[in-house]
Every structure is written in structure tokens, then in C-alpha cells.
């Protein structure tokens, strides 16, 4: 995980299943931007 300023972070990895599980667990934290 690479965290930067108040805009958020990036999650990068080789195992997409682990990243998918993180997304499912924390998707309510993701803001909708237009």
C-alpha cells in the first residue's frame, strides 16, 4: 500500500484476490467523484 496526501492511497499487488477482498471490505470508504 502506498499512502500519500489527504486524497488517499494506492493498493498494488500481484494477487488480485487479496486486493479484491480489500475492496469488498472497505468499498464504503471510497468516495464518489464526478
N, C-alpha and C. Protein backbone atom coordinates (compact mmCIF):
# COMPACT_ATOMS: atom_id res chain seq x y z
N UNK A 1 0.85 -1.17 0.00
CA UNK A 1 0.00 0.00 0.00
C UNK A 1 0.89 1.22 0.00
N UNK A 2 0.55 2.19 -0.83
CA UNK A 2 1.28 3.44 -0.93
C UNK A 2 0.32 4.54 -0.53
N UNK A 3 0.56 5.14 0.62
CA UNK A 3 -0.31 6.22 1.10
C UNK A 3 0.34 7.55 0.75
N UNK A 4 -0.48 8.49 0.30
CA UNK A 4 0.01 9.82 0.01
C UNK A 4 -0.86 10.83 0.71
N UNK A 5 -0.97 12.03 0.23
CA UNK A 5 -1.67 13.10 0.94
C UNK A 5 -3.13 12.75 1.25
N UNK A 6 -3.92 13.74 1.58
CA UNK A 6 -5.30 13.51 2.01
C UNK A 6 -6.21 12.96 0.93
N UNK A 7 -5.70 12.78 -0.29
CA UNK A 7 -6.53 12.22 -1.36
C UNK A 7 -6.65 10.72 -1.29
N UNK A 8 -5.77 10.04 -0.54
CA UNK A 8 -5.95 8.60 -0.42
C UNK A 8 -4.69 7.79 -0.53
N UNK A 9 -4.82 6.63 -1.14
CA UNK A 9 -3.71 5.69 -1.25
C UNK A 9 -3.91 4.80 -2.47
N UNK A 10 -2.86 4.08 -2.80
CA UNK A 10 -2.91 3.10 -3.88
C UNK A 10 -2.61 1.73 -3.30
N UNK A 11 -3.33 0.74 -3.76
CA UNK A 11 -3.06 -0.64 -3.35
C UNK A 11 -2.61 -1.39 -4.60
N UNK A 12 -1.38 -1.89 -4.56
CA UNK A 12 -0.79 -2.58 -5.70
C UNK A 12 -0.30 -3.94 -5.25
N UNK A 13 -0.56 -4.97 -6.02
CA UNK A 13 -0.09 -6.30 -5.66
C UNK A 13 -0.21 -7.28 -6.81
N UNK A 14 0.43 -8.41 -6.63
CA UNK A 14 0.40 -9.46 -7.64
C UNK A 14 -0.83 -10.35 -7.52
N UNK A 15 -1.43 -10.41 -6.33
CA UNK A 15 -2.55 -11.31 -6.08
C UNK A 15 -3.86 -10.53 -6.12
N UNK A 16 -4.59 -10.62 -7.23
CA UNK A 16 -5.81 -9.84 -7.37
C UNK A 16 -6.91 -10.27 -6.41
N UNK A 17 -6.88 -11.51 -5.94
CA UNK A 17 -7.91 -11.96 -4.99
C UNK A 17 -7.78 -11.22 -3.66
N UNK A 18 -6.55 -11.00 -3.21
CA UNK A 18 -6.35 -10.27 -1.96
C UNK A 18 -6.81 -8.82 -2.12
N UNK A 19 -6.46 -8.22 -3.25
CA UNK A 19 -6.89 -6.84 -3.50
C UNK A 19 -8.41 -6.77 -3.60
N UNK A 20 -9.03 -7.75 -4.23
CA UNK A 20 -10.49 -7.79 -4.34
C UNK A 20 -11.12 -7.90 -2.96
N UNK A 21 -10.56 -8.72 -2.08
CA UNK A 21 -11.08 -8.84 -0.72
C UNK A 21 -10.98 -7.51 0.03
N UNK A 22 -9.86 -6.80 -0.15
CA UNK A 22 -9.72 -5.48 0.47
C UNK A 22 -10.77 -4.52 -0.05
N UNK A 23 -11.00 -4.55 -1.36
CA UNK A 23 -12.02 -3.68 -1.95
C UNK A 23 -13.40 -3.98 -1.37
N UNK A 24 -13.75 -5.25 -1.30
CA UNK A 24 -15.06 -5.62 -0.77
C UNK A 24 -15.22 -5.19 0.69
N UNK A 25 -14.14 -5.31 1.46
CA UNK A 25 -14.20 -4.97 2.88
C UNK A 25 -14.30 -3.46 3.11
N UNK A 26 -13.61 -2.67 2.27
CA UNK A 26 -13.51 -1.23 2.52
C UNK A 26 -14.14 -0.36 1.44
N UNK A 27 -14.97 -0.93 0.57
CA UNK A 27 -15.51 -0.14 -0.54
C UNK A 27 -16.35 1.05 -0.09
N UNK A 28 -16.92 0.99 1.10
CA UNK A 28 -17.71 2.12 1.58
C UNK A 28 -16.83 3.32 1.92
N UNK A 29 -15.53 3.12 2.03
CA UNK A 29 -14.59 4.21 2.29
C UNK A 29 -14.27 4.99 1.01
N UNK A 30 -14.56 4.41 -0.16
CA UNK A 30 -14.20 5.03 -1.43
C UNK A 30 -15.23 6.10 -1.76
N UNK A 31 -14.74 7.31 -1.98
CA UNK A 31 -15.62 8.43 -2.29
C UNK A 31 -15.99 8.43 -3.76
N UNK A 32 -17.19 8.86 -4.06
CA UNK A 32 -17.63 9.01 -5.45
C UNK A 32 -17.28 10.42 -5.92
N UNK A 33 -16.46 10.50 -6.96
CA UNK A 33 -16.10 11.78 -7.55
C UNK A 33 -16.67 11.85 -8.95
N UNK A 34 -17.09 13.03 -9.33
CA UNK A 34 -17.63 13.23 -10.68
C UNK A 34 -16.70 14.08 -11.48
